[in-house]
Amino acid sequence: METPIQKQHVVFIMGATGTGKSRLSIDIATRYSGEIINSDKMQVYKGLDIVTNKITEPEKRGVPHHLLGEIDPETDFTTQDFRHHALSAIRWVVRLNKVPVIVGGSNSFIEALVEDPVSSFRSKYECCFLWLDVSLPVLCSYVEKRVDQMVDAGLVDEVRGVFAPKADYTRGIRKSIGVPELEEYFEAEMRVENEIAENLLEAAISDIKSNTCKLINSQLRKVYRLKKEVGWPIHRIDATTVFEKQGKEAEDAWEEDVLQPCFKIVGDFLKKSGPVYGAIY
């Protein structure tokens, strides 16, 4: 008779950029004794913390993170690389008797992990998929303001630090939105009049905003495909009200519209148990 093997539980937090996935991951990891595995394909690299919008140390609230700012920025980190490193991190977290919480907007990474036939991920792990969603017009307006805040925080100087003439913007961290858009400005700023340089900078910032909104649309299409075509049981959490309010009202909306339903979903998910026959670790 085959030995029954208990499936381990893994929580995935998906959604477009800017929706609050990192914040939610911290809340869930804190409540359910979890550790976080980053699945954002730009945040895996070292450097460009402003451009890639990495979570700060105070925001982590002591929760351990894996695959966040660990990879050489000059290398090309592939879906296969992510699958290998993520599986290793998941096994590590499980051995600690903690919950792996995988969070990020790179759905191609998540799909490569979950649907990989070689590792037989689904035969070993129960998956809970949370999709943090925000109305598209509201989200695009928010990320445009966030780009301005990133510029105020030093985005341009940060990118200048990795700028190289004729650099390859198809590899490594230079693929990040915010890097290729500034190339023309950096090439021209020292040899043109200030007014022309300022116009080039304004155009670059406008392109960063536009390309971020295009990224959001692409991310949403991939989530819809995973839900409708691939058939993943994804729980959609509408966080729009959080972005429509400010101050205490926004915090109350986060608690009521995001945390309470997510805690209910994850809590019920983690209570599920039952042996899986034939699974091999």
Protein backbone atom coordinates (compact mmCIF):
# COMPACT_ATOMS: atom_id res chain seq x y z
CA MET A 1 0.00 0.00 0.00
CA GLU A 2 1.34 3.45 -0.94
CA THR A 3 2.28 5.74 1.91
CA PRO A 4 -0.04 8.75 2.19
CA ILE A 5 1.85 11.99 1.89
CA GLN A 6 0.53 15.30 3.07
CA LYS A 7 0.60 18.07 0.53
CA GLN A 8 2.28 21.28 1.65
CA HIS A 9 0.47 24.59 1.32
CA VAL A 10 1.73 27.50 -0.76
CA VAL A 11 0.07 30.92 -1.02
CA PHE A 12 0.42 32.97 -4.21
CA ILE A 13 -0.33 36.70 -4.35
CA MET A 14 -0.80 37.89 -7.92
CA GLY A 15 -1.87 41.07 -9.65
CA ALA A 16 -0.67 44.08 -11.58
CA THR A 17 2.06 46.42 -10.45
CA GLY A 18 1.07 48.95 -7.81
CA THR A 19 -1.89 47.09 -6.35
CA GLY A 20 -0.40 46.48 -2.89
CA LYS A 21 0.81 42.89 -3.29
CA SER A 22 3.93 43.40 -1.15
CA ARG A 23 1.89 44.95 1.66
CA LEU A 24 -0.60 42.09 1.57
CA SER A 25 2.18 39.51 1.56
CA ILE A 26 3.61 40.99 4.76
CA ASP A 27 0.20 40.97 6.43
CA ILE A 28 -0.41 37.34 5.48
CA ALA A 29 3.11 36.17 6.37
CA THR A 30 2.87 37.93 9.73
CA ARG A 31 -0.50 36.41 10.58
CA TYR A 32 0.21 32.87 9.38
CA SER A 33 3.94 32.48 10.17
CA GLY A 34 5.13 32.73 6.59
CA GLU A 35 8.21 33.66 4.63
CA ILE A 36 8.06 35.52 1.34
CA ILE A 37 9.46 34.41 -2.01
CA ASN A 38 9.64 37.18 -4.58
CA SER A 39 8.36 36.40 -8.08
CA ASP A 40 8.88 39.83 -9.65
CA LYS A 41 11.38 39.36 -12.48
CA MET A 42 13.02 42.76 -11.94
CA GLN A 43 13.08 42.75 -8.15
CA VAL A 44 15.17 39.58 -8.13
CA TYR A 45 18.18 41.68 -9.19
CA LYS A 46 20.52 43.62 -6.94
CA GLY A 47 20.29 47.39 -7.28
CA LEU A 48 17.82 49.94 -8.69
CA ASP A 49 15.67 49.73 -5.57
CA ILE A 50 13.68 52.84 -6.51
CA VAL A 51 13.12 51.86 -10.14
CA THR A 52 12.02 48.34 -9.26
CA ASN A 53 10.05 49.57 -6.23
CA LYS A 54 11.54 47.04 -3.83
CA ILE A 55 10.00 46.81 -0.40
CA THR A 56 12.12 48.55 2.26
CA GLU A 57 13.53 46.96 5.41
CA PRO A 58 11.04 48.76 7.72
CA GLU A 59 8.16 47.65 5.46
CA LYS A 60 9.30 44.01 5.73
CA ARG A 61 8.49 44.10 9.48
CA GLY A 62 11.04 41.37 10.11
CA VAL A 63 9.52 38.88 7.66
CA PRO A 64 12.26 36.93 5.81
CA HIS A 65 12.35 37.42 2.04
CA HIS A 66 13.86 35.16 -0.62
CA LEU A 67 14.90 36.04 -4.19
CA LEU A 68 14.67 39.75 -3.48
CA GLY A 69 17.69 41.74 -4.66
CA GLU A 70 19.90 38.66 -4.82
CA ILE A 71 20.77 38.17 -8.52
CA ASP A 72 23.65 39.77 -10.44
CA PRO A 73 22.04 42.65 -12.40
CA GLU A 74 24.12 41.89 -15.51
CA THR A 75 22.82 38.32 -15.86
CA ASP A 76 19.61 37.21 -17.54
CA PHE A 77 17.41 35.52 -14.95
CA THR A 78 15.11 33.14 -16.86
CA THR A 79 11.88 31.38 -15.96
CA GLN A 80 13.93 28.20 -15.56
CA ASP A 81 16.23 29.99 -13.13
CA PHE A 82 13.24 31.22 -11.16
CA ARG A 83 11.71 27.76 -11.00
CA HIS A 84 14.96 26.28 -9.66
CA HIS A 85 15.51 28.98 -7.03
CA ALA A 86 11.85 29.18 -6.02
CA LEU A 87 11.57 25.43 -5.49
CA SER A 88 14.67 25.53 -3.31
CA ALA A 89 13.25 28.43 -1.28
CA ILE A 90 9.88 26.71 -0.90
CA ARG A 91 11.52 23.55 0.43
CA TRP A 92 13.55 25.63 2.87
CA VAL A 93 10.50 27.47 4.18
CA VAL A 94 8.49 24.27 4.50
CA ARG A 95 11.31 22.63 6.47
CA LEU A 96 11.04 25.53 8.90
CA ASN A 97 7.36 24.63 9.30
CA LYS A 98 6.37 27.98 7.84
CA VAL A 99 4.09 28.98 4.97
CA PRO A 100 5.70 29.94 1.64
CA VAL A 101 4.08 33.14 0.34
CA ILE A 102 5.00 33.77 -3.29
CA VAL A 103 4.35 37.33 -4.42
CA GLY A 104 4.98 39.30 -7.58
CA GLY A 105 3.56 40.52 -10.85
CA SER A 106 5.54 38.24 -13.16
CA ASN A 107 2.87 35.68 -13.99
CA SER A 108 5.15 33.88 -16.46
CA PHE A 109 7.40 33.00 -13.51
CA ILE A 110 4.48 31.73 -11.44
CA GLU A 111 3.04 29.71 -14.31
CA ALA A 112 6.43 28.14 -15.07
CA LEU A 113 6.65 27.03 -11.44
CA VAL A 114 3.12 25.71 -10.98
CA GLU A 115 2.65 24.05 -14.37
CA ASP A 116 6.10 22.48 -14.68
CA PRO A 117 5.61 18.76 -15.42
CA VAL A 118 9.17 17.83 -14.41
CA SER A 119 8.92 18.98 -10.81
CA SER A 120 5.26 17.86 -10.58
CA PHE A 121 4.56 20.90 -8.44
CA ARG A 122 0.82 20.36 -8.26
CA SER A 123 1.22 16.80 -6.96
CA LYS A 124 3.28 18.07 -4.04
CA TYR A 125 1.73 21.39 -3.12
CA GLU A 126 -1.74 22.76 -2.52
CA CYS A 127 -1.99 26.22 -4.05
CA CYS A 128 -4.01 29.21 -2.90
CA PHE A 129 -4.12 31.97 -5.52
CA LEU A 130 -5.02 35.51 -4.45
CA TRP A 131 -5.45 38.15 -7.15
CA LEU A 132 -5.28 41.71 -5.80
CA ASP A 133 -7.13 43.80 -8.37
CA VAL A 134 -7.79 47.53 -8.75
CA SER A 135 -9.98 49.31 -11.30
CA LEU A 136 -7.79 50.07 -14.31
CA PRO A 137 -8.39 53.85 -14.50
CA VAL A 138 -7.83 54.18 -10.75
CA LEU A 139 -4.66 52.08 -10.86
CA CYS A 140 -3.15 53.88 -13.85
CA SER A 141 -3.78 57.23 -12.18
CA TYR A 142 -2.11 55.93 -9.02
CA VAL A 143 0.99 54.55 -10.74
CA GLU A 144 1.45 57.78 -12.68
CA LYS A 145 1.58 59.66 -9.38
CA ARG A 146 3.88 56.97 -8.01
CA VAL A 147 6.32 57.55 -10.88
CA ASP A 148 6.47 61.22 -9.89
CA GLN A 149 7.19 60.18 -6.31
CA MET A 150 9.92 57.83 -7.52
CA VAL A 151 11.49 60.67 -9.51
CA ASP A 152 11.39 62.86 -6.38
CA ALA A 153 13.05 60.00 -4.46
CA GLY A 154 16.00 59.91 -6.85
CA LEU A 155 15.00 57.62 -9.73
CA VAL A 156 16.93 59.59 -12.37
CA ASP A 157 20.23 59.57 -10.47
CA GLU A 158 19.76 55.89 -9.65
CA VAL A 159 19.37 55.02 -13.33
CA ARG A 160 22.28 57.29 -14.26
CA GLY A 161 24.42 55.02 -12.08
CA VAL A 162 23.83 52.05 -14.41
CA PHE A 163 23.71 54.01 -17.67
CA ALA A 164 26.11 52.92 -20.38
CA PRO A 165 26.05 54.13 -24.01
CA LYS A 166 24.65 51.51 -26.38
CA ALA A 167 23.79 49.24 -23.47
CA ASP A 168 21.76 46.07 -24.05
CA TYR A 169 18.28 46.82 -22.68
CA THR A 170 17.06 43.29 -23.32
CA ARG A 171 19.12 41.69 -20.54
CA GLY A 172 19.28 41.83 -16.78
CA ILE A 173 18.07 44.72 -14.70
CA ARG A 174 18.30 47.17 -17.62
CA LYS A 175 15.01 45.71 -18.88
CA SER A 176 13.28 47.49 -15.99
CA ILE A 177 10.78 50.16 -16.96
CA GLY A 178 12.51 53.42 -16.13
CA VAL A 179 15.92 52.50 -17.56
CA PRO A 180 15.66 52.45 -21.39
CA GLU A 181 13.29 55.42 -21.36
CA LEU A 182 16.04 57.64 -19.94
CA GLU A 183 18.74 56.68 -22.46
CA GLU A 184 18.15 59.60 -24.85
CA TYR A 185 18.14 62.09 -21.99
CA PHE A 186 21.43 60.82 -20.55
CA GLU A 187 23.09 60.85 -23.96
CA ALA A 188 22.01 64.43 -24.60
CA GLU A 189 22.04 66.16 -21.19
CA MET A 190 25.72 67.19 -21.31
CA ARG A 191 25.71 68.54 -24.87
CA VAL A 192 22.39 70.35 -25.30
CA GLU A 193 20.81 73.41 -23.77
CA ASN A 194 19.12 73.02 -20.41
CA GLU A 195 15.67 73.62 -21.84
CA ILE A 196 16.09 70.85 -24.42
CA ALA A 197 17.43 68.50 -21.76
CA GLU A 198 14.45 69.26 -19.51
CA ASN A 199 12.08 68.50 -22.38
CA LEU A 200 13.81 65.18 -22.98
CA LEU A 201 13.53 64.35 -19.29
CA GLU A 202 9.83 65.21 -19.23
CA ALA A 203 9.29 63.02 -22.28
CA ALA A 204 11.18 60.16 -20.64
CA ILE A 205 9.09 60.40 -17.46
CA SER A 206 5.93 60.45 -19.58
CA ASP A 207 7.13 57.30 -21.36
CA ILE A 208 7.81 55.60 -18.02
CA LYS A 209 4.22 56.29 -16.98
CA SER A 210 2.81 55.10 -20.29
CA ASN A 211 4.90 51.93 -20.35
CA THR A 212 3.93 51.15 -16.75
CA CYS A 213 0.24 51.32 -17.71
CA LYS A 214 0.96 49.07 -20.71
CA LEU A 215 2.64 46.62 -18.34
CA ILE A 216 -0.45 46.65 -16.13
CA ASN A 217 -2.65 45.72 -19.11
CA SER A 218 -0.29 42.89 -20.02
CA GLN A 219 -0.24 41.58 -16.46
CA LEU A 220 -4.02 41.60 -16.28
CA ARG A 221 -4.38 39.71 -19.56
CA LYS A 222 -2.11 36.99 -18.19
CA VAL A 223 -4.10 36.71 -14.96
CA TYR A 224 -7.35 36.44 -16.93
CA ARG A 225 -5.79 33.71 -19.09
CA LEU A 226 -4.62 31.72 -16.07
CA LYS A 227 -8.07 31.99 -14.51
CA LYS A 228 -10.27 31.41 -17.57
CA GLU A 229 -8.18 29.33 -19.97
CA VAL A 230 -5.78 27.43 -17.73
CA GLY A 231 -8.43 27.08 -15.04
CA TRP A 232 -6.60 28.19 -11.92
CA PRO A 233 -8.97 28.72 -8.94
CA ILE A 234 -7.97 32.34 -8.44
CA HIS A 235 -9.66 34.43 -5.75
CA ARG A 236 -10.13 38.01 -6.95
CA ILE A 237 -9.89 40.67 -4.25
CA ASP A 238 -11.06 44.13 -5.32
CA ALA A 239 -8.90 46.77 -3.62
CA THR A 240 -10.22 49.74 -5.61
CA THR A 241 -11.80 51.45 -2.60
CA VAL A 242 -8.40 51.56 -0.87
CA PHE A 243 -7.03 53.70 -3.69
CA GLU A 244 -10.10 55.94 -3.84
CA LYS A 245 -9.76 56.98 -0.20
CA GLN A 246 -7.07 58.61 1.92
CA GLY A 247 -5.78 58.46 5.47
CA LYS A 248 -7.80 56.49 8.00
CA GLU A 249 -10.56 55.80 5.47
CA ALA A 250 -8.04 54.11 3.19
CA GLU A 251 -6.69 52.06 6.11
CA ASP A 252 -10.21 51.02 7.08
CA ALA A 253 -10.91 50.02 3.46
CA TRP A 254 -7.71 47.95 3.40
CA GLU A 255 -8.80 46.16 6.57
CA GLU A 256 -12.39 45.56 5.45
CA ASP A 257 -12.08 45.00 1.68
CA VAL A 258 -8.67 43.32 1.48
CA LEU A 259 -7.42 41.85 4.74
CA GLN A 260 -10.63 40.35 6.09
CA PRO A 261 -11.52 38.42 2.91
CA CYS A 262 -7.89 37.38 2.34
CA PHE A 263 -7.47 36.18 5.92
CA LYS A 264 -10.70 34.17 5.56
CA ILE A 265 -9.54 32.59 2.28
CA VAL A 266 -6.03 31.79 3.50
CA GLY A 267 -7.20 30.64 6.92
CA ASP A 268 -9.68 28.19 5.39
CA PHE A 269 -7.04 27.05 2.89
CA LEU A 270 -4.46 26.29 5.58
CA LYS A 271 -7.00 24.28 7.57
CA LYS A 272 -7.50 21.93 4.65
CA SER A 273 -5.80 18.58 5.13
CA GLY A 274 -5.79 15.15 3.64
CA PRO A 275 -3.22 12.65 2.42
CA VAL A 276 -2.08 12.58 -1.18
CA TYR A 277 -1.12 9.11 -2.35
CA GLY A 278 1.88 8.51 -4.57
CA ALA A 279 3.50 11.94 -4.26
CA ILE A 280 7.28 11.78 -4.11
CA TYR A 281 9.50 14.46 -2.59
